Amino acid sequence: MASILPLELCAVGFSVAGRPLLRDLSLRFQAGPPSIVMGPNGAGKSLTLRIAHGLLSPTTGRVRWLGIDAAPNDPRVRGLQAMVFEQPVLLRRSAAANVDYALSVAGVPRSERAERVARVLSRTGLTALADRRARVLSGGEQQRLSLARAWALEPEVLFLDEPTAALDPGATRAVEELIAAISESGTKIIMTTHDLGQARRLAGEVLLLCAGTLVERAPVRDFFESPETAEARSFLKGDLLWA
């Protein structure tokens, strides 16, 4: 099967009621280590992921999966990318059934689903919770289940929008370890976070957005040790940036 990567956002803009939230944003994502998108509140981080994933259409510009020259809503793309949000969205059924349902919607044959469910629950440390109702799990367990459900689909690209923002340090560490494992399995991670330490631990590269524009993009070490722009230096010092 042909790769859907690279992913290209070409001069993407997005406005609401005449107010521009993204301005002429051009990005290309290749296979490889995680790309971490950072910036102040309102910078356009989550919006960028939603447009790239196909949940929203840009007001101007276009998004293309160049590997097969397809738009985000192309049926050939939908099964090869997934997204996990800050707040888990889980069905009123067991942890295992949540994963099984996602596989059934994706068209995975019933004969393959049980083995895949068991494998991904094991890889995410959720085997003992397989029969527990998903919505009574702890916040960290629910987020791991959301990641397990996405990972079971074997996506080529996984978008993560602040996946640990609501978690305590222990749950955050467990989710970070899982994200690293998904990345090492060959899935391209494109993720937003406000956590500088998390970006240091997980990123291959960092993209900094401010006021709906890209102000810096660099390998993670370069970004933290020798940022090129005044905005990046201010962001790293904790100064307030107008989004």
Protein backbone atom coordinates (compact mmCIF):
# COMPACT_ATOMS: atom_id res chain seq x y z
CA MET A 1 0.00 0.00 0.00
CA ALA A 2 1.32 3.47 -0.90
CA SER A 3 2.19 5.85 1.91
CA ILE A 4 -0.19 8.77 2.40
CA LEU A 5 2.75 10.93 3.54
CA PRO A 6 3.99 13.56 3.13
CA LEU A 7 1.16 15.73 4.42
CA GLU A 8 1.10 19.28 3.09
CA LEU A 9 -0.78 22.34 4.29
CA CYS A 10 -0.42 24.91 1.53
CA ALA A 11 -1.19 28.57 2.36
CA VAL A 12 -3.96 27.48 4.73
CA GLY A 13 -6.13 30.15 6.28
CA PHE A 14 -9.15 29.81 8.54
CA SER A 15 -11.52 32.58 9.61
CA VAL A 16 -14.61 32.77 11.81
CA ALA A 17 -16.99 35.69 11.35
CA GLY A 18 -14.31 37.50 9.42
CA ARG A 19 -11.70 37.00 12.14
CA PRO A 20 -8.59 35.16 10.86
CA LEU A 21 -7.46 32.37 13.18
CA LEU A 22 -4.90 30.85 10.80
CA ARG A 23 -2.99 32.94 8.29
CA ASP A 24 -1.19 31.59 5.22
CA LEU A 25 0.06 28.50 7.05
CA SER A 26 2.30 26.28 4.94
CA LEU A 27 3.65 23.06 6.46
CA ARG A 28 4.90 19.71 5.28
CA PHE A 29 5.11 16.65 7.51
CA GLN A 30 7.25 13.67 6.60
CA ALA A 31 7.54 10.24 8.19
CA GLY A 32 9.83 10.13 11.20
CA PRO A 33 9.94 11.17 14.87
CA PRO A 34 7.08 13.13 16.45
CA SER A 35 6.35 16.68 15.33
CA ILE A 36 5.25 18.73 18.36
CA VAL A 37 3.20 21.89 17.80
CA MET A 38 3.46 24.51 20.54
CA GLY A 39 2.34 28.07 21.16
CA PRO A 40 0.21 30.23 23.45
CA ASN A 41 -3.52 29.74 23.91
CA GLY A 42 -5.35 30.79 20.77
CA ALA A 43 -2.30 30.39 18.54
CA GLY A 44 -4.12 27.90 16.28
CA LYS A 45 -2.54 24.64 17.41
CA SER A 46 -5.69 22.55 17.83
CA LEU A 47 -7.26 24.18 14.80
CA THR A 48 -4.28 23.19 12.67
CA LEU A 49 -4.64 19.55 13.72
CA ARG A 50 -8.36 19.50 13.05
CA ILE A 51 -7.88 20.91 9.56
CA ALA A 52 -5.05 18.48 8.80
CA HIS A 53 -7.17 15.56 10.04
CA GLY A 54 -10.13 16.66 7.94
CA LEU A 55 -12.57 17.65 10.70
CA LEU A 56 -12.62 21.22 9.36
CA SER A 57 -12.05 22.65 5.91
CA PRO A 58 -9.74 25.64 5.51
CA THR A 59 -11.20 28.97 4.46
CA THR A 60 -8.29 29.43 2.05
CA GLY A 61 -5.51 27.18 0.84
CA ARG A 62 -5.60 23.40 0.76
CA VAL A 63 -4.51 20.26 2.55
CA ARG A 64 -3.16 17.30 0.59
CA TRP A 65 -1.78 13.91 1.42
CA LEU A 66 0.87 13.94 -1.26
CA GLY A 67 1.72 10.24 -1.11
CA ILE A 68 -1.54 9.46 -2.91
CA ASP A 69 -2.50 13.03 -3.89
CA ALA A 70 -5.67 13.02 -1.80
CA ALA A 71 -7.62 15.45 0.37
CA PRO A 72 -8.16 14.63 4.08
CA ASN A 73 -11.74 13.43 3.50
CA ASP A 74 -10.73 11.02 0.73
CA PRO A 75 -11.87 7.47 1.65
CA ARG A 76 -8.37 6.19 0.92
CA VAL A 77 -7.03 8.40 3.71
CA ARG A 78 -9.60 8.00 6.47
CA GLY A 79 -8.46 4.58 7.62
CA LEU A 80 -4.78 5.53 7.64
CA GLN A 81 -4.94 8.44 10.06
CA ALA A 82 -6.55 8.91 13.47
CA MET A 83 -6.92 11.58 16.13
CA VAL A 84 -7.06 11.53 19.94
CA PHE A 85 -8.35 14.54 21.86
CA GLU A 86 -7.60 16.06 25.26
CA GLN A 87 -10.90 14.76 26.63
CA PRO A 88 -11.42 11.07 25.76
CA VAL A 89 -14.53 10.30 23.74
CA LEU A 90 -15.59 6.78 24.75
CA LEU A 91 -18.64 4.66 24.11
CA ARG A 92 -20.95 3.31 26.84
CA ARG A 93 -19.46 -0.17 26.70
CA SER A 94 -16.41 -2.06 27.93
CA ALA A 95 -12.83 -1.09 27.21
CA ALA A 96 -12.43 -4.07 24.88
CA ALA A 97 -15.72 -3.30 23.13
CA ASN A 98 -14.60 0.28 22.48
CA VAL A 99 -11.60 -1.01 20.57
CA ASP A 100 -13.60 -3.71 18.81
CA TYR A 101 -16.19 -1.19 17.64
CA ALA A 102 -13.54 1.05 16.10
CA LEU A 103 -12.12 -1.94 14.23
CA SER A 104 -15.55 -3.00 12.99
CA VAL A 105 -16.26 0.51 11.66
CA ALA A 106 -12.90 0.41 9.91
CA GLY A 107 -13.93 -2.81 8.17
CA VAL A 108 -11.56 -5.18 9.97
CA PRO A 109 -12.98 -8.71 9.64
CA ARG A 110 -14.52 -10.19 12.79
CA SER A 111 -12.05 -13.10 12.60
CA GLU A 112 -9.14 -10.67 13.11
CA ARG A 113 -10.64 -8.30 15.65
CA ALA A 114 -10.39 -10.33 18.87
CA GLU A 115 -6.66 -10.93 18.43
CA ARG A 116 -6.01 -7.29 17.56
CA VAL A 117 -8.04 -6.07 20.55
CA ALA A 118 -6.15 -8.37 22.91
CA ARG A 119 -2.80 -7.31 21.48
CA VAL A 120 -3.38 -3.59 21.76
CA LEU A 121 -4.84 -3.81 25.27
CA SER A 122 -1.75 -5.73 26.32
CA ARG A 123 0.58 -3.17 24.74
CA THR A 124 -1.19 -0.36 26.58
CA GLY A 125 -1.38 -2.08 29.97
CA LEU A 126 -5.16 -2.40 29.91
CA THR A 127 -5.67 -6.17 29.70
CA ALA A 128 -6.94 -6.39 33.29
CA LEU A 129 -9.49 -3.69 32.52
CA ALA A 130 -10.77 -5.19 29.26
CA ASP A 131 -14.26 -5.95 30.63
CA ARG A 132 -14.63 -2.80 32.70
CA ARG A 133 -16.97 -0.07 31.52
CA ALA A 134 -14.85 2.51 29.73
CA ARG A 135 -16.52 5.51 31.32
CA VAL A 136 -15.71 4.42 34.90
CA LEU A 137 -11.98 4.20 34.23
CA SER A 138 -9.66 6.84 35.63
CA GLY A 139 -8.68 9.78 33.44
CA GLY A 140 -5.31 8.27 32.65
CA GLU A 141 -6.82 4.88 31.87
CA GLN A 142 -9.39 6.48 29.59
CA GLN A 143 -6.70 8.32 27.68
CA ARG A 144 -4.67 5.13 27.31
CA LEU A 145 -7.80 3.43 26.02
CA SER A 146 -8.30 6.24 23.49
CA LEU A 147 -4.73 5.70 22.33
CA ALA A 148 -5.21 1.93 22.26
CA ARG A 149 -8.31 2.31 20.11
CA ALA A 150 -6.43 4.54 17.68
CA TRP A 151 -3.33 2.30 17.66
CA ALA A 152 -5.46 -0.77 16.92
CA LEU A 153 -6.33 0.84 13.58
CA GLU A 154 -2.61 0.80 12.70
CA PRO A 155 -2.67 4.40 11.40
CA GLU A 156 0.21 5.80 9.44
CA VAL A 157 -0.39 9.18 11.09
CA LEU A 158 -1.81 9.89 14.55
CA PHE A 159 -2.86 13.40 15.60
CA LEU A 160 -2.79 14.05 19.36
CA ASP A 161 -4.34 17.22 20.77
CA GLU A 162 -3.03 17.94 24.29
CA PRO A 163 -3.37 14.27 25.27
CA THR A 164 -2.04 14.74 28.82
CA ALA A 165 -3.36 18.20 29.69
CA ALA A 166 -5.88 16.90 32.26
CA LEU A 167 -3.68 14.18 33.78
CA ASP A 168 -1.58 13.91 36.93
CA PRO A 169 2.19 13.30 36.64
CA GLY A 170 1.96 9.52 36.95
CA ALA A 171 -0.73 9.21 34.30
CA THR A 172 1.14 11.67 32.10
CA ARG A 173 4.26 9.53 32.26
CA ALA A 174 2.29 6.41 31.30
CA VAL A 175 0.71 8.17 28.34
CA GLU A 176 4.08 9.59 27.21
CA GLU A 177 5.59 6.10 27.27
CA LEU A 178 2.70 4.88 25.16
CA ILE A 179 3.09 7.73 22.67
CA ALA A 180 6.79 6.91 22.36
CA ALA A 181 5.94 3.25 21.73
CA ILE A 182 3.40 4.15 19.03
CA SER A 183 5.99 6.37 17.37
CA GLU A 184 8.61 3.63 17.52
CA SER A 185 6.14 1.23 15.86
CA GLY A 186 6.28 3.43 12.76
CA THR A 187 3.30 5.76 13.20
CA LYS A 188 3.97 9.44 12.56
CA ILE A 189 2.87 11.48 15.59
CA ILE A 190 1.73 15.10 15.14
CA MET A 191 0.89 16.47 18.56
CA THR A 192 0.08 19.67 20.43
CA THR A 193 1.24 20.37 23.97
CA HIS A 194 1.86 23.26 26.36
CA ASP A 195 4.37 21.20 28.34
CA LEU A 196 7.97 22.17 27.50
CA GLY A 197 9.37 19.13 29.28
CA GLN A 198 7.06 16.86 27.37
CA ALA A 199 8.18 18.39 24.09
CA ARG A 200 11.82 17.81 25.06
CA ARG A 201 11.09 14.18 25.88
CA LEU A 202 8.98 13.27 22.85
CA ALA A 203 9.71 15.60 19.94
CA GLY A 204 11.86 15.07 16.92
CA GLU A 205 11.04 18.63 15.90
CA VAL A 206 9.11 21.55 17.38
CA LEU A 207 6.82 23.95 15.52
CA LEU A 208 5.89 27.21 17.27
CA LEU A 209 2.69 28.96 16.27
CA CYS A 210 1.73 32.48 17.28
CA ALA A 211 -1.36 34.38 16.14
CA GLY A 212 -2.16 31.71 13.57
CA THR A 213 1.23 31.80 11.87
CA LEU A 214 4.32 29.63 12.04
CA VAL A 215 7.12 31.59 13.70
CA GLU A 216 9.73 28.86 14.16
CA ARG A 217 10.33 25.24 13.22
CA ALA A 218 13.46 23.39 14.28
CA PRO A 219 14.85 20.06 15.49
CA VAL A 220 14.02 19.72 19.19
CA ARG A 221 17.56 20.30 20.44
CA ASP A 222 18.03 23.41 18.30
CA PHE A 223 14.66 24.80 19.36
CA PHE A 224 15.44 24.58 23.06
CA GLU A 225 19.15 25.39 22.98
CA SER A 226 19.39 28.01 20.24
CA PRO A 227 15.99 29.37 19.16
CA GLU A 228 16.26 31.69 16.18
CA THR A 229 13.30 34.01 16.70
CA ALA A 230 12.43 36.50 19.40
CA GLU A 231 9.03 34.83 19.77
CA ALA A 232 10.61 31.44 20.47
CA ARG A 233 13.04 32.92 22.99
CA SER A 234 10.19 34.69 24.77
CA PHE A 235 8.05 31.56 24.74
CA LEU A 236 10.80 29.48 26.30
CA LYS A 237 11.33 32.11 29.03
CA GLY A 238 7.64 31.98 29.88
CA ASP A 239 6.84 35.47 28.66
CA LEU A 240 3.28 36.07 27.51
CA LEU A 241 2.84 36.07 23.76
CA TRP A 242 -0.21 37.52 22.09
CA ALA A 243 -1.86 34.65 20.27
